């Protein structure tokens, strides 16, 4: 059931994407699959190294982020009334992503170093910040969908 739902989300996302983003996403996705297949587990049978797992998680995060960005920009392209409106929306989206991306990267780097220092392990901070990023993303999606619903519900009562 979950696989079917995921398949429908991906097919729907591909319908929104523009052709260049679709090609870019498929290229990154295929390269991620090739890298995932070629990690040392398949080469010598001893299992992947920690650095390979880190790279694989980063590639999968890149895939998810690129998929969401391509879907969002495709939606904005379809929802815009003119090319100028789409250009303004796209520019605003990229400004938002750069600003908050830099803030999150600095925060993630600092917290990762603090965790590594106190835990005496060079890798635990990476995995903690990946888990934090996943939970933060889920909370962000909850806010995006729940807050407008709550405002509509409260304004209907007034």
Protein backbone atom coordinates (compact mmCIF):
# COMPACT_ATOMS: atom_id res chain seq x y z
CA UNK A 1 0.00 0.00 0.00
CA UNK A 2 2.77 2.40 0.94
CA UNK A 3 4.66 1.50 -2.23
CA UNK A 4 1.59 2.24 -4.35
CA UNK A 5 1.10 5.59 -2.63
CA UNK A 6 4.76 6.47 -3.19
CA UNK A 7 4.48 5.44 -6.82
CA UNK A 8 1.46 7.73 -7.29
CA UNK A 9 3.32 10.63 -5.66
CA UNK A 10 6.31 10.13 -7.97
CA UNK A 11 4.15 9.86 -11.09
CA UNK A 12 2.22 12.97 -10.04
CA UNK A 13 5.49 14.78 -9.41
CA UNK A 14 6.76 13.86 -12.84
CA UNK A 15 3.61 15.34 -14.35
CA UNK A 16 4.40 18.69 -12.71
CA UNK A 17 8.10 18.78 -13.60
CA UNK A 18 9.44 20.57 -16.63
CA UNK A 19 11.52 18.53 -19.09
CA UNK A 20 14.93 19.91 -18.04
CA UNK A 21 14.22 19.23 -14.36
CA UNK A 22 12.88 15.79 -15.21
CA UNK A 23 16.11 14.98 -17.05
CA UNK A 24 18.24 16.41 -14.24
CA UNK A 25 16.33 14.47 -11.60
CA UNK A 26 16.53 11.20 -13.52
CA UNK A 27 20.27 11.68 -14.05
CA UNK A 28 20.93 12.32 -10.36
CA UNK A 29 18.64 9.45 -9.37
CA UNK A 30 20.35 6.99 -11.72
CA UNK A 31 23.80 8.07 -10.54
CA UNK A 32 22.66 7.58 -6.94
CA UNK A 33 21.43 4.10 -7.74
CA UNK A 34 24.70 3.22 -9.46
CA UNK A 35 26.68 4.51 -6.48
CA UNK A 36 24.43 2.67 -4.06
CA UNK A 37 24.95 -0.54 -5.97
CA UNK A 38 28.69 -0.08 -6.20
CA UNK A 39 29.44 0.47 -2.51
CA UNK A 40 31.86 -1.95 -0.99
CA UNK A 41 29.13 -4.34 0.18
CA UNK A 42 28.69 -5.47 -3.40
CA UNK A 43 32.41 -5.39 -4.17
CA UNK A 44 34.03 -7.32 -1.33
CA UNK A 45 31.09 -8.48 0.78
CA UNK A 46 32.30 -6.81 3.98
CA UNK A 47 29.61 -4.15 4.11
CA UNK A 48 29.78 -0.46 3.33
CA UNK A 49 32.17 1.86 5.11
CA UNK A 50 30.80 4.74 7.18
CA UNK A 51 31.94 7.29 4.59
CA UNK A 52 30.08 5.39 1.88
CA UNK A 53 26.91 5.35 3.97
CA UNK A 54 27.27 9.10 4.56
CA UNK A 55 27.66 9.73 0.83
CA UNK A 56 24.67 7.52 0.06
CA UNK A 57 22.49 9.37 2.58
CA UNK A 58 23.61 12.70 1.11
CA UNK A 59 22.77 11.50 -2.40
CA UNK A 60 19.32 10.33 -1.32
CA UNK A 61 18.74 13.66 0.42
CA UNK A 62 19.76 15.39 -2.80
CA UNK A 63 17.29 13.24 -4.73
CA UNK A 64 14.42 14.11 -2.41
CA UNK A 65 15.26 17.80 -2.40
CA UNK A 66 15.65 17.95 -6.17
CA UNK A 67 12.38 16.09 -6.66
CA UNK A 68 10.50 18.48 -4.38
CA UNK A 69 12.09 21.55 -5.95
CA UNK A 70 11.33 20.35 -9.47
CA UNK A 71 7.72 19.58 -8.54
CA UNK A 72 7.28 22.95 -6.86
CA UNK A 73 8.77 24.89 -9.76
CA UNK A 74 6.67 22.90 -12.20
CA UNK A 75 3.58 23.75 -10.18
CA UNK A 76 4.58 27.42 -10.15
CA UNK A 77 5.08 27.31 -13.91
CA UNK A 78 1.59 25.92 -14.42
CA UNK A 79 0.01 28.31 -11.91
CA UNK A 80 1.66 31.46 -13.27
CA UNK A 81 -0.28 33.62 -15.66
CA UNK A 82 2.77 34.94 -17.47
CA UNK A 83 6.45 34.26 -17.93
CA UNK A 84 7.35 37.32 -15.84
CA UNK A 85 5.25 36.09 -12.94
CA UNK A 86 6.97 32.70 -13.10
CA UNK A 87 10.40 34.36 -13.19
CA UNK A 88 9.54 36.41 -10.09
CA UNK A 89 8.25 33.35 -8.25
CA UNK A 90 11.27 31.29 -9.24
CA UNK A 91 13.65 34.03 -8.13
CA UNK A 92 11.83 34.35 -4.80
CA UNK A 93 12.01 30.58 -4.35
CA UNK A 94 15.74 30.48 -4.99
CA UNK A 95 16.37 33.44 -2.68
CA UNK A 96 14.42 31.66 0.05
CA UNK A 97 16.31 28.40 -0.51
CA UNK A 98 19.71 30.08 -0.51
CA UNK A 99 19.00 32.10 2.63
CA UNK A 100 17.59 29.25 4.67
CA UNK A 101 19.96 26.71 3.15
CA UNK A 102 22.98 28.68 4.31
CA UNK A 103 21.47 29.14 7.76
CA UNK A 104 20.71 25.41 8.03
CA UNK A 105 24.16 24.43 6.72
CA UNK A 106 25.92 26.61 9.30
CA UNK A 107 23.64 25.39 12.08
CA UNK A 108 24.09 21.77 11.04
CA UNK A 109 27.86 22.11 10.84
CA UNK A 110 28.16 23.75 14.26
CA UNK A 111 25.82 21.31 16.01
CA UNK A 112 27.49 18.36 14.31
CA UNK A 113 30.90 19.50 15.58
CA UNK A 114 29.54 20.03 19.10
CA UNK A 115 27.97 16.56 19.16
CA UNK A 116 31.13 14.96 17.80
CA UNK A 117 33.22 16.73 20.46
CA UNK A 118 31.06 15.58 23.36
CA UNK A 119 30.43 12.06 22.08
CA UNK A 120 34.07 11.37 21.13
CA UNK A 121 32.93 9.93 17.83
CA UNK A 122 33.54 11.48 14.45
CA UNK A 123 30.41 10.13 12.81
CA UNK A 124 27.55 10.29 15.31
CA UNK A 125 26.96 14.01 14.72
CA UNK A 126 26.29 13.40 11.04
CA UNK A 127 23.64 10.78 11.74
CA UNK A 128 22.03 12.86 14.50
CA UNK A 129 21.75 15.85 12.18
CA UNK A 130 20.32 13.67 9.39
CA UNK A 131 17.65 12.40 11.78
CA UNK A 132 17.00 15.94 12.99
CA UNK A 133 16.65 17.11 9.39
CA UNK A 134 14.10 14.38 8.69
CA UNK A 135 12.01 15.24 11.74
CA UNK A 136 12.30 18.96 11.01
CA UNK A 137 11.14 18.38 7.43
CA UNK A 138 8.14 16.37 8.65
CA UNK A 139 7.29 19.14 11.13
CA UNK A 140 7.64 21.75 8.36
CA UNK A 141 5.24 19.81 6.14
CA UNK A 142 2.83 19.54 9.05
CA UNK A 143 2.94 23.31 9.50
CA UNK A 144 2.50 23.96 5.79
CA UNK A 145 -0.66 21.87 5.65
CA UNK A 146 -2.08 22.20 9.18
CA UNK A 147 -1.75 25.94 9.77
CA UNK A 148 -3.78 27.05 6.71
CA UNK A 149 -6.42 24.43 7.55
CA UNK A 150 -6.56 25.69 11.12
CA UNK A 151 -6.86 29.32 10.00
CA UNK A 152 -9.66 28.44 7.58
CA UNK A 153 -11.45 26.54 10.31
CA UNK A 154 -11.09 29.34 12.85
CA UNK A 155 -12.15 32.03 10.39
CA UNK A 156 -15.29 30.04 9.52
CA UNK A 157 -16.35 30.11 13.18
CA UNK A 158 -16.09 33.90 13.42
